[in-house]
Amino acid sequence: MQAFYTFEAGSGDVIADRSGVGSPLDLKIESPRAVQWKNGALAVRSNAKILSMQPADKIVEAVRRSNAISIEAWIRPANLK
């Protein structure tokens, strides 16, 4: 696992990488007003850019070495319509 985000911060504009692998690949929320922190979750309320704060070199290198990538996301829609 190259990057892991738990959304435990509960506030702020940074989502910390908790993987413990290499240099952390923290994410920056450009418009904090567009999101709402919840218990272990982040609700995106409107258009929001959430970007890595530096190049994702550790992910790129792992994909190149393995020639594969897996992404897991737990998403719960607020509105099914």
C-alpha atoms as a PDB file:
ATOM      1  CA  MET A   1       0.000   0.000   0.000  1.00  0.00           C
ATOM      2  CA  GLN A   2       1.639   3.203  -1.181  1.00  0.00           C
ATOM      3  CA  ALA A   3      -0.894   5.727   0.168  1.00  0.00           C
ATOM      4  CA  PHE A   4      -3.628   5.425   2.806  1.00  0.00           C
ATOM      5  CA  TYR A   5      -6.067   8.122   3.902  1.00  0.00           C
ATOM      6  CA  THR A   6      -8.245   7.678   7.017  1.00  0.00           C
ATOM      7  CA  PHE A   7      -9.810  11.156   7.196  1.00  0.00           C
ATOM      8  CA  GLU A   8      -9.346  11.185  10.980  1.00  0.00           C
ATOM      9  CA  ALA A   9      -8.103  14.792  11.195  1.00  0.00           C
ATOM     10  CA  GLY A  10     -11.617  16.161  11.545  1.00  0.00           C
ATOM     11  CA  SER A  11     -10.626  19.663  10.412  1.00  0.00           C
ATOM     12  CA  GLY A  12      -8.173  21.647   8.345  1.00  0.00           C
ATOM     13  CA  ASP A  13      -7.166  21.612   4.704  1.00  0.00           C
ATOM     14  CA  VAL A  14      -4.737  18.661   4.691  1.00  0.00           C
ATOM     15  CA  ILE A  15      -5.573  14.970   4.396  1.00  0.00           C
ATOM     16  CA  ALA A  16      -2.619  13.047   5.810  1.00  0.00           C
ATOM     17  CA  ASP A  17      -1.134   9.959   4.161  1.00  0.00           C
ATOM     18  CA  ARG A  18      -1.056   7.299   6.898  1.00  0.00           C
ATOM     19  CA  SER A  19       0.586   4.527   4.831  1.00  0.00           C
ATOM     20  CA  GLY A  20       3.973   4.766   6.547  1.00  0.00           C
ATOM     21  CA  VAL A  21       5.611   4.010   3.182  1.00  0.00           C
ATOM     22  CA  GLY A  22       8.293   6.388   1.948  1.00  0.00           C
ATOM     23  CA  SER A  23       7.632  10.105   2.063  1.00  0.00           C
ATOM     24  CA  PRO A  24       4.001  10.900   2.961  1.00  0.00           C
ATOM     25  CA  LEU A  25       1.799  11.872   0.016  1.00  0.00           C
ATOM     26  CA  ASP A  26      -0.473  14.291   1.863  1.00  0.00           C
ATOM     27  CA  LEU A  27      -3.404  15.867   0.032  1.00  0.00           C
ATOM     28  CA  LYS A  28      -4.379  19.556   0.078  1.00  0.00           C
ATOM     29  CA  ILE A  29      -7.983  20.750  -0.049  1.00  0.00           C
ATOM     30  CA  GLU A  30      -7.885  23.970  -2.097  1.00  0.00           C
ATOM     31  CA  SER A  31     -11.355  25.140  -0.997  1.00  0.00           C
ATOM     32  CA  PRO A  32     -11.972  24.021   2.605  1.00  0.00           C
ATOM     33  CA  ARG A  33     -15.453  25.584   2.490  1.00  0.00           C
ATOM     34  CA  ALA A  34     -16.380  23.029  -0.195  1.00  0.00           C
ATOM     35  CA  VAL A  35     -15.975  20.106   2.228  1.00  0.00           C
ATOM     36  CA  GLN A  36     -17.255  19.093   5.634  1.00  0.00           C
ATOM     37  CA  TRP A  37     -15.277  16.910   8.009  1.00  0.00           C
ATOM     38  CA  LYS A  38     -17.284  14.160   9.687  1.00  0.00           C
ATOM     39  CA  ASN A  39     -16.366  11.324  12.027  1.00  0.00           C
ATOM     40  CA  GLY A  40     -13.708   9.487   9.987  1.00  0.00           C
ATOM     41  CA  ALA A  41     -15.045  10.891   6.721  1.00  0.00           C
ATOM     42  CA  LEU A  42     -14.896  13.876   4.426  1.00  0.00           C
ATOM     43  CA  ALA A  43     -18.107  15.075   2.754  1.00  0.00           C
ATOM     44  CA  VAL A  44     -17.534  16.984  -0.477  1.00  0.00           C
ATOM     45  CA  ARG A  45     -20.345  19.564  -0.628  1.00  0.00           C
ATOM     46  CA  SER A  46     -19.453  21.421  -3.827  1.00  0.00           C
ATOM     47  CA  ASN A  47     -16.689  21.559  -6.439  1.00  0.00           C
ATOM     48  CA  ALA A  48     -13.440  20.901  -4.626  1.00  0.00           C
ATOM     49  CA  LYS A  49      -9.898  20.341  -5.825  1.00  0.00           C
ATOM     50  CA  ILE A  50      -8.084  17.865  -3.598  1.00  0.00           C
ATOM     51  CA  LEU A  51      -4.501  17.484  -4.823  1.00  0.00           C
ATOM     52  CA  SER A  52      -1.290  15.859  -3.697  1.00  0.00           C
ATOM     53  CA  MET A  53       1.096  18.409  -2.237  1.00  0.00           C
ATOM     54  CA  GLN A  54       4.054  16.946  -4.142  1.00  0.00           C
ATOM     55  CA  PRO A  55       4.514  14.606  -7.121  1.00  0.00           C
ATOM     56  CA  ALA A  56       3.168  11.080  -6.529  1.00  0.00           C
ATOM     57  CA  ASP A  57       6.574   9.559  -7.294  1.00  0.00           C
ATOM     58  CA  LYS A  58       6.217   6.623  -4.895  1.00  0.00           C
ATOM     59  CA  ILE A  59       2.952   5.567  -6.571  1.00  0.00           C
ATOM     60  CA  VAL A  60       4.321   6.042 -10.094  1.00  0.00           C
ATOM     61  CA  GLU A  61       7.415   3.971  -9.285  1.00  0.00           C
ATOM     62  CA  ALA A  62       5.364   1.174  -7.669  1.00  0.00           C
ATOM     63  CA  VAL A  63       3.103   1.004 -10.735  1.00  0.00           C
ATOM     64  CA  ARG A  64       6.108   0.901 -13.051  1.00  0.00           C
ATOM     65  CA  ARG A  65       7.735  -1.903 -11.021  1.00  0.00           C
ATOM     66  CA  SER A  66       4.604  -4.057 -10.841  1.00  0.00           C
ATOM     67  CA  ASN A  67       2.925  -2.999 -14.100  1.00  0.00           C
ATOM     68  CA  ALA A  68      -0.347  -2.950 -12.116  1.00  0.00           C
ATOM     69  CA  ILE A  69      -2.430  -0.693  -9.913  1.00  0.00           C
ATOM     70  CA  SER A  70      -5.313  -1.260  -7.523  1.00  0.00           C
ATOM     71  CA  ILE A  71      -7.388   1.519  -6.012  1.00  0.00           C
ATOM     72  CA  GLU A  72      -9.905   1.048  -3.223  1.00  0.00           C
ATOM     73  CA  ALA A  73     -12.354   3.765  -2.208  1.00  0.00           C
ATOM     74  CA  TRP A  74     -15.218   3.597   0.252  1.00  0.00           C
ATOM     75  CA  ILE A  75     -17.785   6.094  -0.959  1.00  0.00           C
ATOM     76  CA  ARG A  76     -21.292   6.679   0.305  1.00  0.00           C
ATOM     77  CA  PRO A  77     -23.418   8.982  -1.859  1.00  0.00           C
ATOM     78  CA  ALA A  78     -25.417  11.588   0.055  1.00  0.00           C
ATOM     79  CA  ASN A  79     -28.137  11.509  -2.590  1.00  0.00           C
ATOM     80  CA  LEU A  80     -28.943   8.493  -4.775  1.00  0.00           C
ATOM     81  CA  LYS A  81     -30.592  10.701  -7.418  1.00  0.00           C
END
